[in-house]
Amino acid sequence: MDAVVRRLEAFAIPRYESEGDDEGQRMNWRDYWNQDTPIYVNERHKLLHYRQVANDIADLIISPRSNVLDYGCGEALFADRVATHTARLYLCDGAPLVRERLSERFNGESRIQVLSPEDMNALPDNSLDLIVVNSLLQYLPLEDLRRLLKTWHAKLKSDGRLVLADVIPPGLSPLTDAKALLIFAGQGGFLAAALTGLVRTAFSDYRKIREEIGLSTYSEAEIADLLRDAGFNTERQPRNLGHNQARMTFVGRPR
């Protein structure tokens, strides 16, 4: 596997860095996700990814009376399974196309409600037991994250939990992500498609926008500081949500 990853170095995407807030007329991350993207190498990859994330979120839910928010949920293909563990599951995403598809997919699911970020702001304070934010922080400018942390703090009950998952640490090589994907693909039966997909991604709009805007990275100490400033106590979890264990998950509890 290491030899295969090394062969991908010629196609490696630049290191994860944030390159500032001056975006001009360039595409931003919300625009990017508001379209069909090649981020999944094939349908099996997408299904296995969302199934694992759904199982991981379900494991976080303590009571069937819980009100849960999945913020930046993406397509959330197995959200109906998560919803069976809750009283109410809110699916929130900033991309209108994603919300449209979620509404169509889960029409008639009485426990699921699809929200825009503006709708999320209107939820009652002290109403949520669990907020999960998975694989989103890398796409948020720092000031947006600071604002959202304060909003999430207000929406949580006093004994609620904020889970920040799939956080990219500084200096993480894209080849480490590639290796994690290939291991996941080997276990899931889509290795050949993953190899092809990694090369395709290297020449895709994803690489272009990442070069232009960058991805936000955080150390464990930086996440703890941000959460403390927003009124949370913080604990890093031993396992990250999803397949990539080089990334990090944190739980914040309101003080």
Protein backbone atom coordinates (compact mmCIF):
# COMPACT_ATOMS: atom_id res chain seq x y z
CA MET A 1 0.00 0.00 0.00
CA ASP A 2 2.83 2.44 0.83
CA ALA A 3 4.35 1.85 -2.60
CA VAL A 4 1.03 2.67 -4.28
CA VAL A 5 0.71 5.88 -2.27
CA ARG A 6 4.23 6.96 -3.20
CA ARG A 7 3.37 6.59 -6.86
CA LEU A 8 0.62 9.17 -6.33
CA GLU A 9 3.13 11.84 -5.27
CA ALA A 10 3.27 13.19 -8.80
CA PHE A 11 -0.43 13.99 -8.51
CA ALA A 12 -0.36 15.18 -4.89
CA ILE A 13 -2.48 18.19 -3.98
CA PRO A 14 -0.58 20.96 -2.15
CA ARG A 15 -0.39 20.86 1.64
CA TYR A 16 -3.43 21.92 3.62
CA GLU A 17 -3.15 25.64 4.24
CA SER A 18 -5.55 28.54 4.56
CA GLU A 19 -4.67 31.30 2.13
CA GLY A 20 -6.73 34.19 3.47
CA ASP A 21 -10.21 35.58 3.08
CA ASP A 22 -9.88 37.65 -0.13
CA GLU A 23 -11.79 35.42 -2.54
CA GLY A 24 -12.74 38.05 -5.16
CA GLN A 25 -14.88 36.46 -7.83
CA ARG A 26 -13.54 32.95 -7.28
CA MET A 27 -15.75 30.02 -6.45
CA ASN A 28 -16.13 29.48 -2.70
CA TRP A 29 -16.66 26.18 -0.90
CA ARG A 30 -20.44 26.63 -0.64
CA ASP A 31 -20.63 27.11 -4.42
CA TYR A 32 -18.44 24.05 -4.94
CA TRP A 33 -20.68 21.79 -2.87
CA ASN A 34 -23.82 23.19 -4.52
CA GLN A 35 -23.24 20.95 -7.54
CA ASP A 36 -22.45 17.37 -8.42
CA THR A 37 -18.84 16.81 -7.38
CA PRO A 38 -16.30 14.03 -8.05
CA ILE A 39 -15.24 13.75 -4.41
CA TYR A 40 -16.46 10.13 -4.23
CA VAL A 41 -14.75 7.75 -6.60
CA ASN A 42 -17.92 5.77 -7.29
CA GLU A 43 -21.35 5.06 -5.84
CA ARG A 44 -20.06 2.30 -3.57
CA HIS A 45 -17.54 4.69 -2.01
CA LYS A 46 -20.31 7.22 -1.34
CA LEU A 47 -22.64 4.63 0.18
CA LEU A 48 -19.98 3.12 2.43
CA HIS A 49 -18.79 6.56 3.55
CA TYR A 50 -22.25 7.78 4.50
CA ARG A 51 -23.16 4.47 6.12
CA GLN A 52 -20.10 4.58 8.37
CA VAL A 53 -20.69 8.21 9.32
CA ALA A 54 -24.35 7.46 10.08
CA ASN A 55 -23.35 4.54 12.30
CA ASP A 56 -20.80 6.71 14.09
CA ILE A 57 -23.36 9.46 14.71
CA ALA A 58 -25.92 6.95 15.94
CA ASP A 59 -23.37 5.66 18.45
CA LEU A 60 -23.12 9.19 19.89
CA ILE A 61 -26.84 9.40 20.69
CA ILE A 62 -27.57 8.60 24.31
CA SER A 63 -31.37 8.74 24.46
CA PRO A 64 -34.19 8.14 21.94
CA ARG A 65 -35.65 11.41 23.25
CA SER A 66 -32.67 13.36 21.89
CA ASN A 67 -32.95 16.30 19.54
CA VAL A 68 -29.93 16.08 17.21
CA LEU A 69 -28.49 18.50 14.66
CA ASP A 70 -26.19 17.28 11.88
CA TYR A 71 -24.67 20.56 10.68
CA GLY A 72 -23.03 20.46 7.24
CA CYS A 73 -24.59 17.06 6.75
CA GLY A 74 -24.04 16.65 3.01
CA GLU A 75 -26.22 14.04 1.34
CA ALA A 76 -26.66 12.08 4.60
CA LEU A 77 -27.83 8.99 2.71
CA PHE A 78 -28.55 7.00 5.87
CA ALA A 79 -30.03 9.76 8.01
CA ASP A 80 -33.24 7.76 8.35
CA ARG A 81 -31.27 5.14 10.32
CA VAL A 82 -29.88 7.85 12.60
CA ALA A 83 -33.35 9.31 13.06
CA THR A 84 -34.65 6.06 14.56
CA HIS A 85 -32.43 6.79 17.59
CA THR A 86 -33.80 10.33 18.07
CA ALA A 87 -36.93 12.31 18.80
CA ARG A 88 -35.93 14.78 16.07
CA LEU A 89 -33.03 14.87 13.62
CA TYR A 90 -32.25 18.20 11.98
CA LEU A 91 -30.21 18.03 8.76
CA CYS A 92 -28.58 21.37 7.99
CA ASP A 93 -26.53 22.19 4.91
CA GLY A 94 -25.53 25.46 3.27
CA ALA A 95 -25.93 24.21 -0.32
CA PRO A 96 -29.46 24.63 -1.75
CA LEU A 97 -29.03 21.66 -4.11
CA VAL A 98 -28.09 19.41 -1.20
CA ARG A 99 -31.12 20.56 0.83
CA GLU A 100 -33.41 19.96 -2.13
CA ARG A 101 -32.18 16.39 -2.47
CA LEU A 102 -32.44 15.78 1.25
CA SER A 103 -36.02 17.01 1.28
CA GLU A 104 -36.91 14.70 -1.59
CA ARG A 105 -35.12 11.69 -0.08
CA PHE A 106 -36.62 12.00 3.38
CA ASN A 107 -40.05 13.32 2.50
CA GLY A 108 -42.46 11.62 4.87
CA GLU A 109 -39.83 10.89 7.53
CA SER A 110 -41.57 12.49 10.48
CA ARG A 111 -38.45 12.67 12.65
CA ILE A 112 -36.29 14.40 10.02
CA GLN A 113 -36.36 18.12 9.26
CA VAL A 114 -34.13 19.73 6.64
CA LEU A 115 -32.78 23.18 7.51
CA SER A 116 -30.78 25.96 5.93
CA PRO A 117 -28.19 27.67 8.14
CA GLU A 118 -30.67 30.53 8.54
CA ASP A 119 -33.34 28.05 9.68
CA MET A 120 -30.88 26.64 12.19
CA ASN A 121 -30.40 30.09 13.68
CA ALA A 122 -34.15 30.17 14.37
CA LEU A 123 -34.18 26.98 16.45
CA PRO A 124 -35.02 27.64 20.09
CA ASP A 125 -32.10 28.14 22.44
CA ASN A 126 -31.39 25.27 24.87
CA SER A 127 -33.26 22.82 22.64
CA LEU A 128 -30.60 20.42 21.29
CA ASP A 129 -28.99 17.44 22.98
CA LEU A 130 -26.32 16.80 20.36
CA ILE A 131 -24.78 18.77 17.51
CA VAL A 132 -22.49 16.91 15.10
CA VAL A 133 -20.24 18.88 12.74
CA ASN A 134 -18.38 16.35 10.60
CA SER A 135 -15.75 17.20 7.97
CA LEU A 136 -16.76 20.85 7.78
CA LEU A 137 -14.24 22.93 9.73
CA GLN A 138 -11.68 22.75 6.93
CA TYR A 139 -14.06 24.67 4.66
CA LEU A 140 -14.97 27.45 7.13
CA PRO A 141 -13.16 30.77 7.52
CA LEU A 142 -12.06 31.27 11.11
CA GLU A 143 -14.49 34.10 11.83
CA ASP A 144 -17.40 32.01 10.56
CA LEU A 145 -16.34 29.19 12.87
CA ARG A 146 -16.14 31.53 15.86
CA ARG A 147 -19.64 32.80 15.14
CA LEU A 148 -21.06 29.30 14.69
CA LEU A 149 -19.51 28.04 17.91
CA LYS A 150 -21.37 30.73 19.84
CA THR A 151 -24.61 29.89 18.02
CA TRP A 152 -24.21 26.17 18.71
CA HIS A 153 -23.49 26.89 22.37
CA ALA A 154 -26.77 28.81 22.60
CA LYS A 155 -28.77 26.03 20.94
CA LEU A 156 -27.45 23.24 23.17
CA LYS A 157 -29.03 22.20 26.43
CA SER A 158 -26.84 22.63 29.50
CA ASP A 159 -25.93 18.93 29.36
CA GLY A 160 -25.68 18.82 25.56
CA ARG A 161 -22.64 17.97 23.46
CA LEU A 162 -20.98 19.52 20.41
CA VAL A 163 -18.98 17.03 18.33
CA LEU A 164 -16.43 18.48 15.91
CA ALA A 165 -15.22 15.63 13.73
CA ASP A 166 -12.75 15.02 10.91
CA VAL A 167 -10.67 18.05 11.91
CA ILE A 168 -7.46 18.29 9.87
CA PRO A 169 -4.30 18.86 11.94
CA PRO A 170 -1.59 21.17 10.59
CA GLY A 171 0.99 19.47 8.41
CA LEU A 172 -1.12 16.45 7.53
CA SER A 173 0.11 15.23 4.16
CA PRO A 174 -2.43 14.62 1.39
CA LEU A 175 -0.66 11.30 0.91
CA THR A 176 -1.81 10.30 4.41
CA ASP A 177 -5.39 10.99 3.33
CA ALA A 178 -4.78 9.02 0.13
CA LYS A 179 -3.46 6.05 2.09
CA ALA A 180 -6.50 6.13 4.42
CA LEU A 181 -8.79 6.16 1.39
CA LEU A 182 -6.98 3.24 -0.24
CA ILE A 183 -7.18 1.16 2.94
CA PHE A 184 -10.91 1.98 3.20
CA ALA A 185 -11.32 1.12 -0.49
CA GLY A 186 -9.50 -2.18 -0.09
CA GLN A 187 -11.78 -3.14 2.78
CA GLY A 188 -14.87 -1.92 0.91
CA GLY A 189 -14.16 -3.50 -2.46
CA PHE A 190 -13.56 -0.42 -4.60
CA LEU A 191 -9.76 -0.20 -4.66
CA ALA A 192 -9.39 0.09 -8.44
CA ALA A 193 -11.94 2.90 -8.55
CA ALA A 194 -10.16 4.65 -5.67
CA LEU A 195 -6.84 4.64 -7.51
CA THR A 196 -8.48 6.11 -10.60
CA GLY A 197 -10.42 8.60 -8.49
CA LEU A 198 -7.33 9.95 -6.74
CA VAL A 199 -5.75 10.77 -10.08
CA ARG A 200 -9.00 12.32 -11.34
CA THR A 201 -9.30 14.48 -8.21
CA ALA A 202 -5.76 15.78 -8.72
CA PHE A 203 -6.94 17.41 -11.97
CA SER A 204 -10.42 18.42 -10.78
CA ASP A 205 -12.06 21.67 -9.65
CA TYR A 206 -11.54 20.44 -6.09
CA ARG A 207 -7.79 20.83 -6.46
CA LYS A 208 -8.20 24.23 -8.12
CA ILE A 209 -10.44 25.68 -5.42
CA ARG A 210 -8.26 24.21 -2.71
CA GLU A 211 -5.23 25.93 -4.21
CA GLU A 212 -7.13 29.24 -4.43
CA ILE A 213 -8.90 29.26 -1.05
CA GLY A 214 -7.10 26.60 0.97
CA LEU A 215 -8.33 24.40 3.78
CA SER A 216 -8.38 25.42 7.43
CA THR A 217 -6.33 23.27 9.79
CA TYR A 218 -6.30 23.23 13.61
CA SER A 219 -4.09 21.79 16.29
CA GLU A 220 -5.61 20.20 19.36
CA ALA A 221 -4.64 23.28 21.40
CA GLU A 222 -6.24 25.63 18.86
CA ILE A 223 -9.53 23.74 18.95
CA ALA A 224 -9.48 23.78 22.75
CA ASP A 225 -8.89 27.55 22.74
CA LEU A 226 -11.70 28.19 20.25
CA LEU A 227 -14.15 26.06 22.20
CA ARG A 228 -13.13 27.62 25.51
CA ASP A 229 -13.70 31.11 24.09
CA ALA A 230 -17.19 30.00 23.00
CA GLY A 231 -18.04 28.62 26.47
CA PHE A 232 -17.17 24.93 26.12
CA ASN A 233 -15.02 22.45 27.96
CA THR A 234 -13.19 20.25 25.43
CA GLU A 235 -12.06 16.66 25.20
CA ARG A 236 -10.38 14.99 22.25
CA GLN A 237 -11.84 11.62 21.39
CA PRO A 238 -9.70 8.49 20.90
CA ARG A 239 -11.31 7.81 17.52
CA ASN A 240 -12.29 10.06 14.63
CA LEU A 241 -15.66 9.71 12.92
CA GLY A 242 -15.34 8.01 9.55
CA HIS A 243 -12.44 6.06 8.08
CA ASN A 244 -9.52 8.51 8.39
CA GLN A 245 -7.90 8.19 11.80
CA ALA A 246 -5.18 10.75 10.97
CA ARG A 247 -7.86 13.40 11.52
CA MET A 248 -9.37 14.37 14.88
CA THR A 249 -12.69 14.46 16.73
CA PHE A 250 -13.47 16.66 19.73
CA VAL A 251 -16.40 16.86 22.12
CA GLY A 252 -17.34 20.22 23.59
CA ARG A 253 -19.65 20.50 26.61
CA PRO A 254 -21.22 23.83 27.64
CA ARG A 255 -19.73 25.29 30.80
